[in-house]
C-alpha atoms as a PDB file:
ATOM      1  CA  MET A   1       4.942 -11.680 -10.635  1.00  0.00           C
ATOM      2  CA  ASP A   2       2.530 -10.574 -13.361  1.00  0.00           C
ATOM      3  CA  ILE A   3      -0.750  -9.396 -11.851  1.00  0.00           C
ATOM      4  CA  SER A   4      -2.784  -6.711 -13.577  1.00  0.00           C
ATOM      5  CA  PHE A   5      -4.453  -3.998 -11.549  1.00  0.00           C
ATOM      6  CA  GLU A   6      -6.296  -2.522 -14.545  1.00  0.00           C
ATOM      7  CA  ASN A   7      -9.631  -4.197 -13.775  1.00  0.00           C
ATOM      8  CA  VAL A   8      -9.493  -3.870 -10.003  1.00  0.00           C
ATOM      9  CA  ALA A   9      -8.863  -0.116  -9.956  1.00  0.00           C
ATOM     10  CA  GLU A  10     -12.526   0.801  -9.494  1.00  0.00           C
ATOM     11  CA  HIS A  11     -12.589  -1.325  -6.322  1.00  0.00           C
ATOM     12  CA  TYR A  12      -9.238  -0.203  -4.931  1.00  0.00           C
ATOM     13  CA  SER A  13     -10.763   2.423  -2.656  1.00  0.00           C
ATOM     14  CA  GLY A  14     -11.978  -0.497  -0.532  1.00  0.00           C
ATOM     15  CA  ARG A  15      -8.441  -1.185   0.716  1.00  0.00           C
ATOM     16  CA  VAL A  16      -7.851  -0.569   4.402  1.00  0.00           C
ATOM     17  CA  PRO A  17      -6.578   3.021   4.595  1.00  0.00           C
ATOM     18  CA  TYR A  18      -3.249   4.091   6.018  1.00  0.00           C
ATOM     19  CA  LEU A  19      -3.680   5.559   9.476  1.00  0.00           C
ATOM     20  CA  PRO A  20      -3.082   9.332   9.682  1.00  0.00           C
ATOM     21  CA  GLU A  21      -0.910   8.746  12.756  1.00  0.00           C
ATOM     22  CA  PHE A  22       1.365   6.586  10.620  1.00  0.00           C
ATOM     23  CA  PHE A  23       2.199   9.445   8.265  1.00  0.00           C
ATOM     24  CA  ALA A  24       2.813  11.836  11.151  1.00  0.00           C
ATOM     25  CA  ARG A  25       5.131   9.401  12.925  1.00  0.00           C
ATOM     26  CA  ALA A  26       7.056   8.530   9.752  1.00  0.00           C
ATOM     27  CA  ALA A  27       7.411  12.197   8.779  1.00  0.00           C
ATOM     28  CA  LYS A  28       8.936  12.943  12.173  1.00  0.00           C
ATOM     29  CA  HIS A  29      11.232   9.903  11.953  1.00  0.00           C
ATOM     30  CA  PHE A  30      12.595  10.929   8.559  1.00  0.00           C
ATOM     31  CA  GLY A  31      12.730  14.630   9.375  1.00  0.00           C
ATOM     32  CA  LEU A  32      10.493  15.602   6.461  1.00  0.00           C
ATOM     33  CA  SER A  33       9.944  19.296   5.850  1.00  0.00           C
ATOM     34  CA  PRO A  34       7.095  20.941   3.919  1.00  0.00           C
ATOM     35  CA  ASN A  35       9.613  23.565   2.836  1.00  0.00           C
ATOM     36  CA  ALA A  36      12.342  21.267   1.524  1.00  0.00           C
ATOM     37  CA  SER A  37      11.623  17.532   1.303  1.00  0.00           C
ATOM     38  CA  THR A  38      11.013  15.682  -1.967  1.00  0.00           C
ATOM     39  CA  LEU A  39       9.237  12.314  -1.902  1.00  0.00           C
ATOM     40  CA  LEU A  40       8.919   9.705  -4.650  1.00  0.00           C
ATOM     41  CA  ASP A  41       6.172   7.088  -4.343  1.00  0.00           C
ATOM     42  CA  LEU A  42       6.748   4.015  -6.546  1.00  0.00           C
ATOM     43  CA  GLY A  43       3.757   1.825  -7.386  1.00  0.00           C
ATOM     44  CA  CYS A  44       1.463   4.541  -6.080  1.00  0.00           C
ATOM     45  CA  GLY A  45      -1.830   2.943  -7.118  1.00  0.00           C
ATOM     46  CA  THR A  46      -4.578   5.488  -6.516  1.00  0.00           C
ATOM     47  CA  GLY A  47      -2.288   7.732  -4.487  1.00  0.00           C
ATOM     48  CA  ALA A  48      -2.999   6.933  -0.837  1.00  0.00           C
ATOM     49  CA  MET A  49       0.651   7.008   0.220  1.00  0.00           C
ATOM     50  CA  ALA A  50       1.570  10.094  -1.807  1.00  0.00           C
ATOM     51  CA  ILE A  51      -1.419  12.058  -0.533  1.00  0.00           C
ATOM     52  CA  GLY A  52      -0.842  10.948   3.046  1.00  0.00           C
ATOM     53  CA  PHE A  53       2.713  12.272   3.032  1.00  0.00           C
ATOM     54  CA  ALA A  54       1.905  15.427   1.038  1.00  0.00           C
ATOM     55  CA  PRO A  55       1.420  17.765   4.048  1.00  0.00           C
ATOM     56  CA  TYR A  56       4.932  16.912   5.236  1.00  0.00           C
ATOM     57  CA  CYS A  57       6.763  17.457   1.919  1.00  0.00           C
ATOM     58  CA  GLN A  58       7.490  20.278  -0.462  1.00  0.00           C
ATOM     59  CA  SER A  59       6.830  18.051  -3.476  1.00  0.00           C
ATOM     60  CA  VAL A  60       5.681  14.497  -4.162  1.00  0.00           C
ATOM     61  CA  LEU A  61       5.955  12.501  -7.391  1.00  0.00           C
ATOM     62  CA  ALA A  62       3.662   9.449  -7.497  1.00  0.00           C
ATOM     63  CA  VAL A  63       4.369   6.803 -10.146  1.00  0.00           C
ATOM     64  CA  ASP A  64       2.429   3.752 -11.311  1.00  0.00           C
ATOM     65  CA  LYS A  65       2.395   1.708 -14.513  1.00  0.00           C
ATOM     66  CA  SER A  66      -1.387   1.180 -14.481  1.00  0.00           C
ATOM     67  CA  GLU A  67      -3.350   3.712 -16.482  1.00  0.00           C
ATOM     68  CA  SER A  68      -6.551   2.591 -14.792  1.00  0.00           C
ATOM     69  CA  MET A  69      -5.177   2.979 -11.276  1.00  0.00           C
ATOM     70  CA  LEU A  70      -4.006   6.499 -12.052  1.00  0.00           C
ATOM     71  CA  ALA A  71      -7.370   7.308 -13.621  1.00  0.00           C
ATOM     72  CA  HIS A  72      -9.012   6.375 -10.295  1.00  0.00           C
ATOM     73  CA  ARG A  73      -6.540   8.392  -8.240  1.00  0.00           C
ATOM     74  CA  ARG A  74      -7.805  10.320  -5.286  1.00  0.00           C
ATOM     75  CA  GLU A  75      -8.062  14.084  -5.262  1.00  0.00           C
ATOM     76  CA  ALA A  76      -4.590  15.330  -4.427  1.00  0.00           C
ATOM     77  CA  PRO A  77      -3.127  18.610  -3.153  1.00  0.00           C
ATOM     78  CA  ALA A  78      -1.175  20.851  -5.494  1.00  0.00           C
ATOM     79  CA  ASN A  79       2.239  19.565  -4.403  1.00  0.00           C
ATOM     80  CA  VAL A  80       1.508  16.013  -5.633  1.00  0.00           C
ATOM     81  CA  ARG A  81       2.169  15.060  -9.275  1.00  0.00           C
ATOM     82  CA  PHE A  82       1.306  11.747 -10.902  1.00  0.00           C
ATOM     83  CA  GLN A  83       3.209  10.025 -13.700  1.00  0.00           C
ATOM     84  CA  GLN A  84       2.580   6.790 -15.564  1.00  0.00           C
ATOM     85  CA  ALA A  85       5.806   4.774 -15.680  1.00  0.00           C
ATOM     86  CA  ASP A  86       6.915   1.160 -15.273  1.00  0.00           C
ATOM     87  CA  VAL A  87       9.689   0.516 -12.748  1.00  0.00           C
ATOM     88  CA  ASN A  88      10.409  -2.783 -14.524  1.00  0.00           C
ATOM     89  CA  ALA A  89      10.943  -1.202 -17.952  1.00  0.00           C
ATOM     90  CA  GLU A  90      14.456  -0.841 -19.338  1.00  0.00           C
ATOM     91  CA  ASP A  91      14.290   2.867 -20.152  1.00  0.00           C
ATOM     92  CA  THR A  92      12.330   4.330 -17.218  1.00  0.00           C
ATOM     93  CA  THR A  93      13.555   7.745 -16.124  1.00  0.00           C
ATOM     94  CA  LEU A  94      11.926   9.976 -13.549  1.00  0.00           C
ATOM     95  CA  PRO A  95      12.412  13.755 -13.116  1.00  0.00           C
ATOM     96  CA  VAL A  96      13.196  13.707  -9.418  1.00  0.00           C
ATOM     97  CA  ARG A  97      15.945  13.398  -6.809  1.00  0.00           C
ATOM     98  CA  ALA A  98      14.055  12.228  -3.762  1.00  0.00           C
ATOM     99  CA  ASP A  99      14.936  12.507  -0.080  1.00  0.00           C
ATOM    100  CA  LEU A 100      12.541   9.633   0.634  1.00  0.00           C
ATOM    101  CA  VAL A 101      11.289   6.874  -1.662  1.00  0.00           C
ATOM    102  CA  THR A 102       8.120   5.102  -0.537  1.00  0.00           C
ATOM    103  CA  ILE A 103       6.784   1.775  -1.825  1.00  0.00           C
ATOM    104  CA  GLY A 104       3.378   0.754  -0.512  1.00  0.00           C
ATOM    105  CA  MET A 105       2.519  -2.943  -0.896  1.00  0.00           C
ATOM    106  CA  ALA A 106       4.211  -3.041  -4.311  1.00  0.00           C
ATOM    107  CA  VAL A 107       7.881  -3.920  -3.800  1.00  0.00           C
ATOM    108  CA  HIS A 108       7.256  -7.594  -4.618  1.00  0.00           C
ATOM    109  CA  PHE A 109       6.140  -6.589  -8.130  1.00  0.00           C
ATOM    110  CA  PHE A 110       9.482  -4.948  -8.964  1.00  0.00           C
ATOM    111  CA  ASP A 111      12.457  -6.549 -10.683  1.00  0.00           C
ATOM    112  CA  LYS A 112      15.361  -6.399  -8.240  1.00  0.00           C
ATOM    113  CA  ALA A 113      18.083  -5.209 -10.645  1.00  0.00           C
ATOM    114  CA  LYS A 114      15.878  -2.571 -12.276  1.00  0.00           C
ATOM    115  CA  LEU A 115      14.652  -1.295  -8.911  1.00  0.00           C
ATOM    116  CA  MET A 116      18.208  -0.906  -7.596  1.00  0.00           C
ATOM    117  CA  ALA A 117      19.312   0.945 -10.739  1.00  0.00           C
ATOM    118  CA  LEU A 118      16.313   3.255 -10.561  1.00  0.00           C
ATOM    119  CA  LEU A 119      16.856   4.018  -6.873  1.00  0.00           C
ATOM    120  CA  ASP A 120      20.420   5.097  -7.615  1.00  0.00           C
ATOM    121  CA  ALA A 121      19.141   7.454 -10.301  1.00  0.00           C
ATOM    122  CA  VAL A 122      16.231   9.045  -8.446  1.00  0.00           C
ATOM    123  CA  SER A 123      17.371   9.385  -4.817  1.00  0.00           C
ATOM    124  CA  THR A 124      19.817  11.645  -3.025  1.00  0.00           C
ATOM    125  CA  PRO A 125      22.894  10.042  -1.397  1.00  0.00           C
ATOM    126  CA  SER A 126      21.332  10.314   2.071  1.00  0.00           C
ATOM    127  CA  ALA A 127      17.862   9.142   0.997  1.00  0.00           C
ATOM    128  CA  ALA A 128      15.916   6.353   2.651  1.00  0.00           C
ATOM    129  CA  VAL A 129      13.550   3.847   1.105  1.00  0.00           C
ATOM    130  CA  PHE A 130      10.408   3.132   3.107  1.00  0.00           C
ATOM    131  CA  VAL A 131       8.559  -0.091   2.248  1.00  0.00           C
ATOM    132  CA  CYS A 132       5.053   0.159   3.682  1.00  0.00           C
ATOM    133  CA  GLY A 133       1.724  -1.560   4.041  1.00  0.00           C
ATOM    134  CA  THR A 134      -1.607  -1.297   5.804  1.00  0.00           C
ATOM    135  CA  THR A 135      -4.110  -4.006   6.603  1.00  0.00           C
ATOM    136  CA  ILE A 136      -6.439  -5.521   9.169  1.00  0.00           C
ATOM    137  CA  SER A 137      -4.373  -6.856  12.040  1.00  0.00           C
ATOM    138  CA  ALA A 138      -4.354 -10.610  12.610  1.00  0.00           C
ATOM    139  CA  GLU A 139      -5.049  -9.730  16.249  1.00  0.00           C
ATOM    140  CA  THR A 140      -8.600  -8.711  15.296  1.00  0.00           C
ATOM    141  CA  PRO A 141     -10.826 -11.405  16.877  1.00  0.00           C
ATOM    142  CA  TRP A 142     -12.726 -12.291  13.680  1.00  0.00           C
ATOM    143  CA  PHE A 143      -9.821 -11.916  11.225  1.00  0.00           C
ATOM    144  CA  ALA A 144      -8.855 -15.594  10.976  1.00  0.00           C
ATOM    145  CA  GLN A 145     -12.467 -16.530  10.167  1.00  0.00           C
ATOM    146  CA  TYR A 146     -12.589 -13.786   7.528  1.00  0.00           C
ATOM    147  CA  VAL A 147      -9.471 -15.161   5.850  1.00  0.00           C
ATOM    148  CA  LYS A 148     -11.046 -18.627   5.876  1.00  0.00           C
ATOM    149  CA  LEU A 149     -14.214 -17.298   4.218  1.00  0.00           C
ATOM    150  CA  ARG A 150     -12.164 -15.461   1.604  1.00  0.00           C
ATOM    151  CA  ALA A 151      -9.869 -18.368   0.734  1.00  0.00           C
ATOM    152  CA  PRO A 152     -12.124 -20.214  -1.765  1.00  0.00           C
ATOM    153  CA  TYR A 153     -12.209 -17.141  -4.015  1.00  0.00           C
ATOM    154  CA  GLY A 154      -8.506 -17.285  -4.770  1.00  0.00           C
ATOM    155  CA  ALA A 155      -5.064 -16.987  -3.247  1.00  0.00           C
ATOM    156  CA  LEU A 156      -1.552 -16.154  -4.327  1.00  0.00           C
ATOM    157  CA  LYS A 157       0.440 -19.337  -4.860  1.00  0.00           C
ATOM    158  CA  GLU A 158       3.760 -18.021  -3.600  1.00  0.00           C
ATOM    159  CA  PRO A 159       4.907 -16.105  -0.515  1.00  0.00           C
ATOM    160  CA  LEU A 160       5.110 -12.387  -1.154  1.00  0.00           C
ATOM    161  CA  ASP A 161       8.205 -10.311  -0.486  1.00  0.00           C
ATOM    162  CA  VAL A 162       6.034  -7.555   0.988  1.00  0.00           C
ATOM    163  CA  TYR A 163       8.777  -6.230   3.282  1.00  0.00           C
ATOM    164  CA  GLY A 164      11.366  -6.164   0.501  1.00  0.00           C
ATOM    165  CA  HIS A 165      13.791  -8.550   2.206  1.00  0.00           C
ATOM    166  CA  ALA A 166      14.550 -10.443  -1.003  1.00  0.00           C
ATOM    167  CA  ARG A 167      14.644  -7.314  -3.164  1.00  0.00           C
ATOM    168  CA  PHE A 168      17.205  -5.559  -0.955  1.00  0.00           C
ATOM    169  CA  ALA A 169      19.259  -8.596   0.125  1.00  0.00           C
ATOM    170  CA  GLY A 170      22.853  -8.416  -1.101  1.00  0.00           C
ATOM    171  CA  THR A 171      22.497  -4.802  -2.239  1.00  0.00           C
ATOM    172  CA  ARG A 172      23.935  -1.554  -0.892  1.00  0.00           C
ATOM    173  CA  TRP A 173      20.710  -1.035   1.057  1.00  0.00           C
ATOM    174  CA  SER A 174      20.334  -2.408   4.574  1.00  0.00           C
ATOM    175  CA  ARG A 175      17.336  -2.695   6.881  1.00  0.00           C
ATOM    176  CA  GLN A 176      16.973  -0.076   9.566  1.00  0.00           C
ATOM    177  CA  GLN A 177      13.978   0.768  11.739  1.00  0.00           C
ATOM    178  CA  PHE A 178      10.526  -0.795  11.552  1.00  0.00           C
ATOM    179  CA  LEU A 179       7.596   1.525  12.300  1.00  0.00           C
ATOM    180  CA  ARG A 180       4.181   0.161  13.264  1.00  0.00           C
ATOM    181  CA  VAL A 181       1.035   2.100  14.146  1.00  0.00           C
ATOM    182  CA  THR A 182      -2.278   0.520  15.160  1.00  0.00           C
ATOM    183  CA  ALA A 183      -5.752   1.863  15.793  1.00  0.00           C
ATOM    184  CA  GLN A 184      -9.188   0.392  16.334  1.00  0.00           C
ATOM    185  CA  LYS A 185     -11.853   1.308  13.772  1.00  0.00           C
ATOM    186  CA  GLN A 186     -15.436   0.253  13.218  1.00  0.00           C
ATOM    187  CA  PHE A 187     -15.915  -1.955  10.162  1.00  0.00           C
ATOM    188  CA  SER A 188     -19.070  -3.310   8.508  1.00  0.00           C
ATOM    189  CA  ALA A 189     -19.633  -6.404   6.367  1.00  0.00           C
ATOM    190  CA  ARG A 190     -19.883  -4.133   3.330  1.00  0.00           C
ATOM    191  CA  ASP A 191     -16.543  -2.558   4.238  1.00  0.00           C
ATOM    192  CA  LEU A 192     -15.041  -6.021   4.551  1.00  0.00           C
ATOM    193  CA  LEU A 193     -16.471  -7.055   1.188  1.00  0.00           C
ATOM    194  CA  ALA A 194     -15.004  -3.930  -0.417  1.00  0.00           C
ATOM    195  CA  HIS A 195     -11.642  -4.762   1.108  1.00  0.00           C
ATOM    196  CA  ALA A 196     -11.710  -8.262  -0.391  1.00  0.00           C
ATOM    197  CA  LEU A 197     -12.736  -6.897  -3.806  1.00  0.00           C
ATOM    198  CA  SER A 198      -9.648  -4.669  -3.882  1.00  0.00           C
ATOM    199  CA  TYR A 199      -7.401  -7.696  -4.458  1.00  0.00           C
ATOM    200  CA  PRO A 200      -7.020  -8.584  -8.161  1.00  0.00           C
ATOM    201  CA  ASN A 201      -6.598 -12.292  -7.456  1.00  0.00           C
ATOM    202  CA  LEU A 202      -9.952 -12.375  -5.641  1.00  0.00           C
ATOM    203  CA  MET A 203     -12.107  -9.791  -7.404  1.00  0.00           C
ATOM    204  CA  GLU A 204     -13.578 -11.731 -10.331  1.00  0.00           C
ATOM    205  CA  ALA A 205     -14.601 -14.764  -8.268  1.00  0.00           C
ATOM    206  CA  ILE A 206     -16.095 -12.603  -5.517  1.00  0.00           C
ATOM    207  CA  LEU A 207     -18.136 -10.531  -7.979  1.00  0.00           C
ATOM    208  CA  LYS A 208     -19.846 -13.738  -9.151  1.00  0.00           C
ATOM    209  CA  ASP A 209     -20.851 -14.546  -5.566  1.00  0.00           C
ATOM    210  CA  LYS A 210     -20.992 -11.064  -4.072  1.00  0.00           C
ATOM    211  CA  ASP A 211     -24.382 -11.191  -2.328  1.00  0.00           C
ATOM    212  CA  ASN A 212     -23.703 -14.601  -0.817  1.00  0.00           C
ATOM    213  CA  LEU A 213     -20.314 -13.546   0.528  1.00  0.00           C
ATOM    214  CA  GLU A 214     -21.711 -10.329   1.984  1.00  0.00           C
ATOM    215  CA  SER A 215     -24.388 -12.325   3.785  1.00  0.00           C
ATOM    216  CA  ARG A 216     -21.767 -14.686   5.208  1.00  0.00           C
ATOM    217  CA  LEU A 217     -19.636 -11.737   6.301  1.00  0.00           C
ATOM    218  CA  GLU A 218     -22.626 -10.225   8.101  1.00  0.00           C
ATOM    219  CA  LYS A 219     -23.094 -13.474  10.038  1.00  0.00           C
ATOM    220  CA  LEU A 220     -19.389 -13.505  10.832  1.00  0.00           C
ATOM    221  CA  LEU A 221     -19.338  -9.973  12.236  1.00  0.00           C
ATOM    222  CA  ALA A 222     -22.733 -10.010  14.007  1.00  0.00           C
ATOM    223  CA  PRO A 223     -21.438 -11.501  17.296  1.00  0.00           C
ATOM    224  CA  HIS A 224     -18.828  -8.729  17.397  1.00  0.00           C
ATOM    225  CA  TYR A 225     -21.081  -5.725  16.705  1.00  0.00           C
ATOM    226  CA  VAL A 226     -20.423  -2.703  18.914  1.00  0.00           C
ATOM    227  CA  SER A 227     -22.857  -0.447  17.029  1.00  0.00           C
ATOM    228  CA  PRO A 228     -25.508  -1.121  14.368  1.00  0.00           C
ATOM    229  CA  ASN A 229     -23.936  -3.407  11.719  1.00  0.00           C
ATOM    230  CA  HIS A 230     -20.377  -2.513  12.752  1.00  0.00           C
ATOM    231  CA  ALA A 231     -17.687  -4.512  14.526  1.00  0.00           C
ATOM    232  CA  VAL A 232     -14.289  -3.341  15.716  1.00  0.00           C
ATOM    233  CA  ALA A 233     -11.254  -4.036  13.547  1.00  0.00           C
ATOM    234  CA  GLU A 234      -7.687  -3.294  14.488  1.00  0.00           C
ATOM    235  CA  PHE A 235      -5.919  -1.610  11.588  1.00  0.00           C
ATOM    236  CA  VAL A 236      -2.149  -1.714  11.344  1.00  0.00           C
ATOM    237  CA  SER A 237      -0.009   0.534   9.164  1.00  0.00           C
ATOM    238  CA  TRP A 238       3.670  -0.366   9.023  1.00  0.00           C
ATOM    239  CA  GLY A 239       6.869   0.622   7.285  1.00  0.00           C
ATOM    240  CA  LEU A 240      10.392  -0.812   7.040  1.00  0.00           C
ATOM    241  CA  GLU A 241      13.235   1.629   6.453  1.00  0.00           C
ATOM    242  CA  TYR A 242      16.209   0.866   4.194  1.00  0.00           C
ATOM    243  CA  ARG A 243      19.348   2.979   3.823  1.00  0.00           C
ATOM    244  CA  ARG A 244      22.547   2.689   1.834  1.00  0.00           C
ATOM    245  CA  HIS A 245      25.529   1.295   3.709  1.00  0.00           C
END
């Protein structure tokens, strides 16, 4: 799948954030230590995953092929380093042996053979891979209507391997535990618009009709307002663990 994130980087902060409770729960599950653990984040984007795990690790290396995404990276603590590199390139090498490799909503962009070879080179024998994502839960009352409003602006034409099932099938890595954390947050029409703009397949079409879509989103959320201009959304952050067998 060849989708460029160069142009969408300035809008990427609109993505639904990972829940802080998700990082705490995952860190406990994997036994991460701020005095010993090394984490590698592949397809890091603007660094949300790397920064979220930083308090629980001694060092974090965050990698992305997009120069623009890295240029828009969030302010990170001293134990997080960023590197521009392409997982799908033939000669990619990374200066790390990670105890945990994280991939946040990016595994479906990686070539299977190259990803497997890279994981062997950059992870310790006991390392886990954690394929993660965060989004608005489909259980949110207005979510289905939001998806319907968003649909005319573009859609991916193939199912995405967001959990990594196809990438890890038939390899030495097997599925283990699935972690899921939910929380209710207040969300405005402008927040929802920003979320939609963070998707490269939607951004250009939405920008041409931005004011109209925001107005329609306001009408969608209005019956659900719990405070001025804000409705409740259920956010879900999830992660699927893989380990060598």
